[in-house]
Amino acid sequence: MPVDLTNQATRNRLFREDRAAGLPAVFTIGDSWFDYPVYPNIVDDLYFTGLFALCRREVSGAVLDDIAKQAAIPRDILKAGSDLLLVSGGGNDLVEKEWISHLFLPSDGTPTSDVDSLIDKQWWEPKLRFFYHWYSAVVNQCAPWGIRVVTHGYDYLIPSSTGLSLDIFYHSGPWVRPAMMAAGITDPLTQRRLARRLVDDFNGVFEALVREGHQLPDGRPAFHYIDCRGTLDDADWVNEMHPTKIGFEKVAARFVPVLGALLHPAILA
C-alpha cells in the first residue's frame, strides 16, 4: 500500500526513520505547494528522491502570518537536527479575495502591453515590501544560528476560470482572473501579460535578498532562492495557483540540485 504522505503522524515517522538512516535533515514550512492534498506536491517529490529526511510542518492554504507560526524558529529547526529551512509561501497572500480585488485599475478592456498602467502601485508596492520584510525576518532569525534558508518563487500563472475543488464541501478560486474581469481587464493576452508582471515582481523580492548577501557566522551564504520561472508549460497548470502532478515533479526537479549542493555536495557535485 502506498505511504500516506498527507498524514502528519506518517510524516513524523518517516522523518525519524530517514534520520536514523543517516539522511540530512530539511525542515519545511509553507502552504499548498508543499502540502497539496490532491496529489503529490514538491516536498512529497523530494521525499521520493530518497536524499533527504524531511521534518514537515507545512499546511495547505496558509498565508505568511500562519506559516510563521508553523515552527518556533530557530528552536524547532535545531531540535530536528537541521541547519536548513525550506520555505514556501506568499501565493495565498497575493490571491486573497478581498486584497486582490483592489489590485487592478479600471480598464475599458482594450488589449495593451502596458500592464503597469493596470496595477495600483499604491496597493501593490506595500504588499511587495511585506513579502520582503517577512522573508528578511526569517533569514535574520536563522542566520545567527547557522541555519540556511531556501525558498522559491512561482512560475508564470495563467489566469483562468478554474478553481480548486477537493470535495462537495470545499471549493476555492479562481482567484486572479475574476479580479481582472471585475476591473474590466477582459483580453486574455493582456491578462497573461499582467500575471507575468506580478510573478516577476514577486520573484524580484527574492532577487533583492540574494543581492544583499546574507551570511552565516562562518561566512557561507544564509539565503538561497530557486527561480522556477520557465519550468511549466500551459498543460502543467491545473488551476491558477497549482501545477498538475507532473508540474509539481518538474518544479521539484529544480529543488534537487540546490538542496543537493547544500546537503550532499559529494554526491551531486
C-alpha atoms as a PDB file:
ATOM      1  CA  MET A   1       0.000   0.000   0.000  1.00  0.00           C
ATOM      2  CA  PRO A   2       1.427   3.457  -0.901  1.00  0.00           C
ATOM      3  CA  VAL A   3       2.543   5.561   2.036  1.00  0.00           C
ATOM      4  CA  ASP A   4       0.083   8.314   3.030  1.00  0.00           C
ATOM      5  CA  LEU A   5       2.187  11.462   2.872  1.00  0.00           C
ATOM      6  CA  THR A   6      -0.781  13.657   3.812  1.00  0.00           C
ATOM      7  CA  ASN A   7      -0.832  12.207   7.337  1.00  0.00           C
ATOM      8  CA  GLN A   8       1.279  14.169   9.830  1.00  0.00           C
ATOM      9  CA  ALA A   9       1.961  11.148  12.035  1.00  0.00           C
ATOM     10  CA  THR A  10       3.254   9.285   8.989  1.00  0.00           C
ATOM     11  CA  ARG A  11       5.415  12.254   8.048  1.00  0.00           C
ATOM     12  CA  ASN A  12       6.895  12.322  11.544  1.00  0.00           C
ATOM     13  CA  ARG A  13       7.615   8.598  11.441  1.00  0.00           C
ATOM     14  CA  LEU A  14       9.291   8.815   8.047  1.00  0.00           C
ATOM     15  CA  PHE A  15      11.446  11.684   9.251  1.00  0.00           C
ATOM     16  CA  ARG A  16      12.655   9.673  12.252  1.00  0.00           C
ATOM     17  CA  GLU A  17      13.380   6.663  10.043  1.00  0.00           C
ATOM     18  CA  ASP A  18      15.242   8.705   7.439  1.00  0.00           C
ATOM     19  CA  ARG A  19      17.294  10.447  10.098  1.00  0.00           C
ATOM     20  CA  ALA A  20      18.186   7.080  11.644  1.00  0.00           C
ATOM     21  CA  ALA A  21      19.317   6.015   8.174  1.00  0.00           C
ATOM     22  CA  GLY A  22      21.718   8.956   8.091  1.00  0.00           C
ATOM     23  CA  LEU A  23      19.933  11.291   5.681  1.00  0.00           C
ATOM     24  CA  PRO A  24      20.450  15.050   6.232  1.00  0.00           C
ATOM     25  CA  ALA A  25      17.527  16.882   7.808  1.00  0.00           C
ATOM     26  CA  VAL A  26      15.496  19.529   5.992  1.00  0.00           C
ATOM     27  CA  PHE A  27      12.878  21.452   7.980  1.00  0.00           C
ATOM     28  CA  THR A  28       9.928  22.535   5.798  1.00  0.00           C
ATOM     29  CA  ILE A  29       7.229  25.150   6.340  1.00  0.00           C
ATOM     30  CA  GLY A  30       4.791  26.570   3.841  1.00  0.00           C
ATOM     31  CA  ASP A  31       1.497  26.257   2.016  1.00  0.00           C
ATOM     32  CA  SER A  32      -0.060  24.123  -0.712  1.00  0.00           C
ATOM     33  CA  TRP A  33       2.975  23.921  -2.986  1.00  0.00           C
ATOM     34  CA  PHE A  34       4.422  21.861  -0.131  1.00  0.00           C
ATOM     35  CA  ASP A  35       1.097  20.383   1.067  1.00  0.00           C
ATOM     36  CA  TYR A  36      -1.236  19.955  -1.879  1.00  0.00           C
ATOM     37  CA  PRO A  37      -3.882  17.467  -0.698  1.00  0.00           C
ATOM     38  CA  VAL A  38      -4.967  16.225  -4.149  1.00  0.00           C
ATOM     39  CA  TYR A  39      -1.759  14.516  -5.336  1.00  0.00           C
ATOM     40  CA  PRO A  40       1.980  14.564  -4.566  1.00  0.00           C
ATOM     41  CA  ASN A  41       3.486  18.019  -4.175  1.00  0.00           C
ATOM     42  CA  ILE A  42       7.036  19.386  -4.137  1.00  0.00           C
ATOM     43  CA  VAL A  43       8.025  18.048  -0.713  1.00  0.00           C
ATOM     44  CA  ASP A  44       6.434  14.678  -1.456  1.00  0.00           C
ATOM     45  CA  ASP A  45       8.545  14.518  -4.607  1.00  0.00           C
ATOM     46  CA  LEU A  46      11.651  15.419  -2.592  1.00  0.00           C
ATOM     47  CA  TYR A  47      10.839  12.518  -0.266  1.00  0.00           C
ATOM     48  CA  PHE A  48      10.651  10.171  -3.243  1.00  0.00           C
ATOM     49  CA  THR A  49      14.266  11.023  -4.170  1.00  0.00           C
ATOM     50  CA  GLY A  50      15.473   9.258  -1.000  1.00  0.00           C
ATOM     51  CA  LEU A  51      18.068  12.003  -0.480  1.00  0.00           C
ATOM     52  CA  PHE A  52      16.579  13.977   2.407  1.00  0.00           C
ATOM     53  CA  ALA A  53      14.975  13.488   5.811  1.00  0.00           C
ATOM     54  CA  LEU A  54      12.036  15.896   5.804  1.00  0.00           C
ATOM     55  CA  CYS A  55      10.706  17.383   9.027  1.00  0.00           C
ATOM     56  CA  ARG A  56       7.401  18.719   7.727  1.00  0.00           C
ATOM     57  CA  ARG A  57       5.209  21.458   9.212  1.00  0.00           C
ATOM     58  CA  GLU A  58       3.549  22.956   6.113  1.00  0.00           C
ATOM     59  CA  VAL A  59      -0.241  23.398   5.852  1.00  0.00           C
ATOM     60  CA  SER A  60      -2.216  23.922   2.655  1.00  0.00           C
ATOM     61  CA  GLY A  61      -3.913  27.299   2.367  1.00  0.00           C
ATOM     62  CA  ALA A  62      -1.661  29.085   4.850  1.00  0.00           C
ATOM     63  CA  VAL A  63      -0.814  32.755   4.469  1.00  0.00           C
ATOM     64  CA  LEU A  64       2.593  34.014   5.553  1.00  0.00           C
ATOM     65  CA  ASP A  65       1.464  35.038   9.028  1.00  0.00           C
ATOM     66  CA  ASP A  66       0.201  31.484   9.580  1.00  0.00           C
ATOM     67  CA  ILE A  67       3.351  29.975   8.111  1.00  0.00           C
ATOM     68  CA  ALA A  68       5.410  31.939  10.643  1.00  0.00           C
ATOM     69  CA  LYS A  69       3.560  30.017  13.372  1.00  0.00           C
ATOM     70  CA  GLN A  70       4.293  26.554  11.923  1.00  0.00           C
ATOM     71  CA  ALA A  71       7.643  26.431  13.731  1.00  0.00           C
ATOM     72  CA  ALA A  72       9.419  28.138  16.588  1.00  0.00           C
ATOM     73  CA  ILE A  73      12.349  29.467  14.601  1.00  0.00           C
ATOM     74  CA  PRO A  74      15.159  28.587  15.204  1.00  0.00           C
ATOM     75  CA  ARG A  75      14.396  26.307  18.175  1.00  0.00           C
ATOM     76  CA  ASP A  76      12.334  23.671  16.358  1.00  0.00           C
ATOM     77  CA  ILE A  77      14.737  23.567  13.421  1.00  0.00           C
ATOM     78  CA  LEU A  78      17.760  22.970  15.619  1.00  0.00           C
ATOM     79  CA  LYS A  79      15.823  20.430  17.697  1.00  0.00           C
ATOM     80  CA  ALA A  80      15.170  18.468  14.485  1.00  0.00           C
ATOM     81  CA  GLY A  81      18.908  18.369  13.849  1.00  0.00           C
ATOM     82  CA  SER A  82      18.640  20.540  10.778  1.00  0.00           C
ATOM     83  CA  ASP A  83      20.600  23.526   9.582  1.00  0.00           C
ATOM     84  CA  LEU A  84      18.372  24.127   6.566  1.00  0.00           C
ATOM     85  CA  LEU A  85      14.892  25.661   6.487  1.00  0.00           C
ATOM     86  CA  LEU A  86      12.902  25.200   3.266  1.00  0.00           C
ATOM     87  CA  VAL A  87      10.095  27.761   2.942  1.00  0.00           C
ATOM     88  CA  SER A  88       7.194  28.137   0.517  1.00  0.00           C
ATOM     89  CA  GLY A  89       4.743  30.984   0.859  1.00  0.00           C
ATOM     90  CA  GLY A  90       3.206  34.188  -0.411  1.00  0.00           C
ATOM     91  CA  GLY A  91       0.801  32.937  -3.046  1.00  0.00           C
ATOM     92  CA  ASN A  92      -2.200  32.866  -0.719  1.00  0.00           C
ATOM     93  CA  ASP A  93      -1.427  36.399   0.467  1.00  0.00           C
ATOM     94  CA  LEU A  94      -1.361  37.507  -3.162  1.00  0.00           C
ATOM     95  CA  VAL A  95      -4.690  35.996  -4.209  1.00  0.00           C
ATOM     96  CA  GLU A  96      -6.713  36.637  -1.033  1.00  0.00           C
ATOM     97  CA  LYS A  97     -10.044  37.747  -2.479  1.00  0.00           C
ATOM     98  CA  GLU A  98     -10.550  40.991  -0.589  1.00  0.00           C
ATOM     99  CA  TRP A  99      -6.963  42.085  -1.180  1.00  0.00           C
ATOM    100  CA  ILE A 100      -6.646  41.257  -4.873  1.00  0.00           C
ATOM    101  CA  SER A 101      -9.990  42.906  -5.614  1.00  0.00           C
ATOM    102  CA  HIS A 102      -8.200  46.258  -5.131  1.00  0.00           C
ATOM    103  CA  LEU A 103      -5.044  45.461  -7.100  1.00  0.00           C
ATOM    104  CA  PHE A 104      -6.112  46.263 -10.661  1.00  0.00           C
ATOM    105  CA  LEU A 105      -7.082  49.674 -12.024  1.00  0.00           C
ATOM    106  CA  PRO A 106     -10.231  50.048 -14.117  1.00  0.00           C
ATOM    107  CA  SER A 107      -9.863  49.221 -17.811  1.00  0.00           C
ATOM    108  CA  ASP A 108     -12.119  49.503 -20.847  1.00  0.00           C
ATOM    109  CA  GLY A 109     -10.964  46.073 -21.973  1.00  0.00           C
ATOM    110  CA  THR A 110      -8.677  47.335 -24.736  1.00  0.00           C
ATOM    111  CA  PRO A 111      -5.738  44.969 -25.267  1.00  0.00           C
ATOM    112  CA  THR A 112      -2.453  46.508 -24.119  1.00  0.00           C
ATOM    113  CA  SER A 113       1.164  45.600 -23.472  1.00  0.00           C
ATOM    114  CA  ASP A 114       1.422  48.465 -20.943  1.00  0.00           C
ATOM    115  CA  VAL A 115       0.343  46.344 -17.998  1.00  0.00           C
ATOM    116  CA  ASP A 116       1.993  48.713 -15.498  1.00  0.00           C
ATOM    117  CA  SER A 117      -0.913  51.054 -16.136  1.00  0.00           C
ATOM    118  CA  LEU A 118      -3.320  48.381 -14.884  1.00  0.00           C
ATOM    119  CA  ILE A 119      -1.697  47.877 -11.457  1.00  0.00           C
ATOM    120  CA  ASP A 120      -2.496  50.091  -8.479  1.00  0.00           C
ATOM    121  CA  LYS A 121       1.083  50.749  -7.335  1.00  0.00           C
ATOM    122  CA  GLN A 122      -0.042  52.238  -4.031  1.00  0.00           C
ATOM    123  CA  TRP A 123      -1.705  48.891  -3.282  1.00  0.00           C
ATOM    124  CA  TRP A 124       0.918  46.579  -4.816  1.00  0.00           C
ATOM    125  CA  GLU A 125       4.164  48.075  -3.529  1.00  0.00           C
ATOM    126  CA  PRO A 126       3.258  47.751   0.185  1.00  0.00           C
ATOM    127  CA  LYS A 127       2.472  44.073  -0.441  1.00  0.00           C
ATOM    128  CA  LEU A 128       5.884  43.569  -2.045  1.00  0.00           C
ATOM    129  CA  ARG A 129       7.508  45.277   0.948  1.00  0.00           C
ATOM    130  CA  PHE A 130       5.552  42.962   3.235  1.00  0.00           C
ATOM    131  CA  PHE A 131       6.916  39.933   1.348  1.00  0.00           C
ATOM    132  CA  TYR A 132      10.440  41.331   1.566  1.00  0.00           C
ATOM    133  CA  HIS A 133      10.296  42.092   5.279  1.00  0.00           C
ATOM    134  CA  TRP A 134       8.713  38.709   6.102  1.00  0.00           C
ATOM    135  CA  TYR A 135      11.393  36.691   4.344  1.00  0.00           C
ATOM    136  CA  SER A 136      14.135  39.002   5.558  1.00  0.00           C
ATOM    137  CA  ALA A 137      12.971  38.452   9.127  1.00  0.00           C
ATOM    138  CA  VAL A 138      13.118  34.665   8.667  1.00  0.00           C
ATOM    139  CA  VAL A 139      16.666  34.874   7.312  1.00  0.00           C
ATOM    140  CA  ASN A 140      17.726  37.179  10.148  1.00  0.00           C
ATOM    141  CA  GLN A 141      16.229  34.775  12.708  1.00  0.00           C
ATOM    142  CA  CYS A 142      18.014  31.788  11.240  1.00  0.00           C
ATOM    143  CA  ALA A 143      21.411  33.082  10.151  1.00  0.00           C
ATOM    144  CA  PRO A 144      22.937  33.708  13.617  1.00  0.00           C
ATOM    145  CA  TRP A 145      22.275  30.037  14.446  1.00  0.00           C
ATOM    146  CA  GLY A 146      23.926  28.720  11.314  1.00  0.00           C
ATOM    147  CA  ILE A 147      20.614  27.851   9.656  1.00  0.00           C
ATOM    148  CA  ARG A 148      20.374  28.349   5.907  1.00  0.00           C
ATOM    149  CA  VAL A 149      17.067  29.445   4.377  1.00  0.00           C
ATOM    150  CA  VAL A 150      15.969  28.161   0.969  1.00  0.00           C
ATOM    151  CA  THR A 151      12.840  29.398  -0.781  1.00  0.00           C
ATOM    152  CA  HIS A 152      11.377  29.606  -4.273  1.00  0.00           C
ATOM    153  CA  GLY A 153       9.452  31.941  -6.500  1.00  0.00           C
ATOM    154  CA  TYR A 154       6.488  30.986  -8.650  1.00  0.00           C
ATOM    155  CA  ASP A 155       6.309  30.263 -12.353  1.00  0.00           C
ATOM    156  CA  TYR A 156       4.077  32.340 -14.618  1.00  0.00           C
ATOM    157  CA  LEU A 157       0.493  31.591 -13.652  1.00  0.00           C
ATOM    158  CA  ILE A 158      -2.270  31.529 -16.241  1.00  0.00           C
ATOM    159  CA  PRO A 159      -5.435  33.479 -15.367  1.00  0.00           C
ATOM    160  CA  SER A 160      -8.356  31.122 -15.812  1.00  0.00           C
ATOM    161  CA  SER A 161     -11.871  30.338 -14.650  1.00  0.00           C
ATOM    162  CA  THR A 162     -10.794  27.089 -12.951  1.00  0.00           C
ATOM    163  CA  GLY A 163     -10.624  26.871  -9.170  1.00  0.00           C
ATOM    164  CA  LEU A 164      -9.845  24.148  -6.654  1.00  0.00           C
ATOM    165  CA  SER A 165     -12.471  21.604  -5.546  1.00  0.00           C
ATOM    166  CA  LEU A 166     -11.428  18.997  -3.002  1.00  0.00           C
ATOM    167  CA  ASP A 167     -14.847  17.528  -2.345  1.00  0.00           C
ATOM    168  CA  ILE A 168     -18.506  18.599  -2.224  1.00  0.00           C
ATOM    169  CA  PHE A 169     -17.749  20.835   0.757  1.00  0.00           C
ATOM    170  CA  TYR A 170     -14.541  22.650  -0.204  1.00  0.00           C
ATOM    171  CA  HIS A 171     -14.229  24.956  -3.189  1.00  0.00           C
ATOM    172  CA  SER A 172     -11.751  27.780  -3.674  1.00  0.00           C
ATOM    173  CA  GLY A 173     -10.836  30.088  -6.524  1.00  0.00           C
ATOM    174  CA  PRO A 174     -10.386  31.024  -9.222  1.00  0.00           C
ATOM    175  CA  TRP A 175      -8.520  33.956  -7.760  1.00  0.00           C
ATOM    176  CA  VAL A 176      -6.730  36.160 -10.285  1.00  0.00           C
ATOM    177  CA  ARG A 177      -8.920  36.220 -13.396  1.00  0.00           C
ATOM    178  CA  PRO A 178     -12.118  37.221 -11.544  1.00  0.00           C
ATOM    179  CA  ALA A 179     -10.324  40.261 -10.088  1.00  0.00           C
ATOM    180  CA  MET A 180      -9.061  41.195 -13.543  1.00  0.00           C
ATOM    181  CA  MET A 181     -12.504  40.747 -15.078  1.00  0.00           C
ATOM    182  CA  ALA A 182     -14.090  42.876 -12.361  1.00  0.00           C
ATOM    183  CA  ALA A 183     -11.689  45.675 -13.279  1.00  0.00           C
ATOM    184  CA  GLY A 184     -12.626  45.365 -16.951  1.00  0.00           C
ATOM    185  CA  ILE A 185      -9.391  43.638 -17.984  1.00  0.00           C
ATOM    186  CA  THR A 186     -11.028  41.135 -20.299  1.00  0.00           C
ATOM    187  CA  ASP A 187      -8.430  40.489 -23.018  1.00  0.00           C
ATOM    188  CA  PRO A 188      -6.783  37.084 -22.382  1.00  0.00           C
ATOM    189  CA  LEU A 189      -3.364  38.141 -23.687  1.00  0.00           C
ATOM    190  CA  THR A 190      -3.393  41.267 -21.524  1.00  0.00           C
ATOM    191  CA  GLN A 191      -4.379  39.118 -18.546  1.00  0.00           C
ATOM    192  CA  ARG A 192      -1.402  36.823 -19.136  1.00  0.00           C
ATOM    193  CA  ARG A 193       0.984  39.738 -19.530  1.00  0.00           C
ATOM    194  CA  LEU A 194      -0.332  41.251 -16.331  1.00  0.00           C
ATOM    195  CA  ALA A 195       0.004  37.977 -14.419  1.00  0.00           C
ATOM    196  CA  ARG A 196       3.547  37.659 -15.741  1.00  0.00           C
ATOM    197  CA  ARG A 197       4.390  41.094 -14.379  1.00  0.00           C
ATOM    198  CA  LEU A 198       3.045  40.183 -10.934  1.00  0.00           C
ATOM    199  CA  VAL A 199       5.102  36.984 -10.868  1.00  0.00           C
ATOM    200  CA  ASP A 200       8.250  38.849 -11.934  1.00  0.00           C
ATOM    201  CA  ASP A 201       7.722  41.417  -9.195  1.00  0.00           C
ATOM    202  CA  PHE A 202       7.243  38.652  -6.619  1.00  0.00           C
ATOM    203  CA  ASN A 203      10.444  36.942  -7.719  1.00  0.00           C
ATOM    204  CA  GLY A 204      12.152  40.310  -7.536  1.00  0.00           C
ATOM    205  CA  VAL A 205      11.726  40.206  -3.748  1.00  0.00           C
ATOM    206  CA  PHE A 206      13.992  37.157  -3.564  1.00  0.00           C
ATOM    207  CA  GLU A 207      16.447  38.552  -6.082  1.00  0.00           C
ATOM    208  CA  ALA A 208      16.842  41.576  -3.804  1.00  0.00           C
ATOM    209  CA  LEU A 209      17.518  39.327  -0.817  1.00  0.00           C
ATOM    210  CA  VAL A 210      20.160  37.412  -2.782  1.00  0.00           C
ATOM    211  CA  ARG A 211      21.894  40.668  -3.734  1.00  0.00           C
ATOM    212  CA  GLU A 212      22.095  41.645  -0.076  1.00  0.00           C
ATOM    213  CA  GLY A 213      24.438  38.715   0.515  1.00  0.00           C
ATOM    214  CA  HIS A 214      23.226  37.500   3.921  1.00  0.00           C
ATOM    215  CA  GLN A 215      25.830  35.269   5.562  1.00  0.00           C
ATOM    216  CA  LEU A 216      26.093  32.695   8.323  1.00  0.00           C
ATOM    217  CA  PRO A 217      28.654  33.294  11.093  1.00  0.00           C
ATOM    218  CA  ASP A 218      31.131  31.106   9.169  1.00  0.00           C
ATOM    219  CA  GLY A 219      30.735  33.197   6.015  1.00  0.00           C
ATOM    220  CA  ARG A 220      28.584  30.823   3.975  1.00  0.00           C
ATOM    221  CA  PRO A 221      25.517  32.252   2.212  1.00  0.00           C
ATOM    222  CA  ALA A 222      22.492  32.301   4.513  1.00  0.00           C
ATOM    223  CA  PHE A 223      19.826  32.629   1.808  1.00  0.00           C
ATOM    224  CA  HIS A 224      19.220  30.587  -1.339  1.00  0.00           C
ATOM    225  CA  TYR A 225      16.474  31.206  -3.888  1.00  0.00           C
ATOM    226  CA  ILE A 226      15.154  28.791  -6.514  1.00  0.00           C
ATOM    227  CA  ASP A 227      13.845  30.559  -9.622  1.00  0.00           C
ATOM    228  CA  CYS A 228      11.009  28.418 -11.011  1.00  0.00           C
ATOM    229  CA  ARG A 229      10.113  30.650 -13.954  1.00  0.00           C
ATOM    230  CA  GLY A 230      10.151  28.839 -17.262  1.00  0.00           C
ATOM    231  CA  THR A 231       9.608  25.429 -15.663  1.00  0.00           C
ATOM    232  CA  LEU A 232       5.975  24.790 -16.538  1.00  0.00           C
ATOM    233  CA  ASP A 233       4.119  24.558 -19.829  1.00  0.00           C
ATOM    234  CA  ASP A 234       0.487  25.617 -20.112  1.00  0.00           C
ATOM    235  CA  ALA A 235      -0.607  21.981 -19.736  1.00  0.00           C
ATOM    236  CA  ASP A 236       1.264  21.759 -16.424  1.00  0.00           C
ATOM    237  CA  TRP A 237      -1.239  24.004 -14.603  1.00  0.00           C
ATOM    238  CA  VAL A 238      -4.412  22.529 -13.118  1.00  0.00           C
ATOM    239  CA  ASN A 239      -5.669  25.931 -11.945  1.00  0.00           C
ATOM    240  CA  GLU A 240      -4.293  29.443 -11.483  1.00  0.00           C
ATOM    241  CA  MET A 241      -2.224  28.596  -8.423  1.00  0.00           C
ATOM    242  CA  HIS A 242      -1.336  24.908  -8.609  1.00  0.00           C
ATOM    243  CA  PRO A 243       0.601  22.747 -11.061  1.00  0.00           C
ATOM    244  CA  THR A 244      -0.545  19.313 -12.112  1.00  0.00           C
ATOM    245  CA  LYS A 245       1.134  16.254 -10.620  1.00  0.00           C
ATOM    246  CA  ILE A 246       3.660  16.296 -13.446  1.00  0.00           C
ATOM    247  CA  GLY A 247       4.037  20.027 -12.992  1.00  0.00           C
ATOM    248  CA  PHE A 248       4.965  19.595  -9.343  1.00  0.00           C
ATOM    249  CA  GLU A 249       7.514  16.972 -10.383  1.00  0.00           C
ATOM    250  CA  LYS A 250       9.082  19.469 -12.789  1.00  0.00           C
ATOM    251  CA  VAL A 251       9.288  22.125 -10.085  1.00  0.00           C
ATOM    252  CA  ALA A 252      10.696  19.670  -7.525  1.00  0.00           C
ATOM    253  CA  ALA A 253      13.420  18.812 -10.028  1.00  0.00           C
ATOM    254  CA  ARG A 254      14.582  22.430  -9.712  1.00  0.00           C
ATOM    255  CA  PHE A 255      14.979  21.938  -5.970  1.00  0.00           C
ATOM    256  CA  VAL A 256      17.077  18.767  -6.030  1.00  0.00           C
ATOM    257  CA  PRO A 257      20.372  20.216  -7.312  1.00  0.00           C
ATOM    258  CA  VAL A 258      20.119  23.203  -4.965  1.00  0.00           C
ATOM    259  CA  LEU A 259      19.425  21.110  -1.877  1.00  0.00           C
ATOM    260  CA  GLY A 260      21.886  18.508  -3.087  1.00  0.00           C
ATOM    261  CA  ALA A 261      24.684  21.062  -3.350  1.00  0.00           C
ATOM    262  CA  LEU A 262      23.929  22.248   0.180  1.00  0.00           C
ATOM    263  CA  LEU A 263      23.487  18.843   1.823  1.00  0.00           C
ATOM    264  CA  HIS A 264      25.024  16.229  -0.499  1.00  0.00           C
ATOM    265  CA  PRO A 265      27.910  18.037  -2.221  1.00  0.00           C
ATOM    266  CA  ALA A 266      29.937  14.860  -2.649  1.00  0.00           C
ATOM    267  CA  ILE A 267      27.012  13.007  -4.241  1.00  0.00           C
ATOM    268  CA  LEU A 268      25.536  15.655  -6.507  1.00  0.00           C
ATOM    269  CA  ALA A 269      28.614  17.749  -7.317  1.00  0.00           C
END
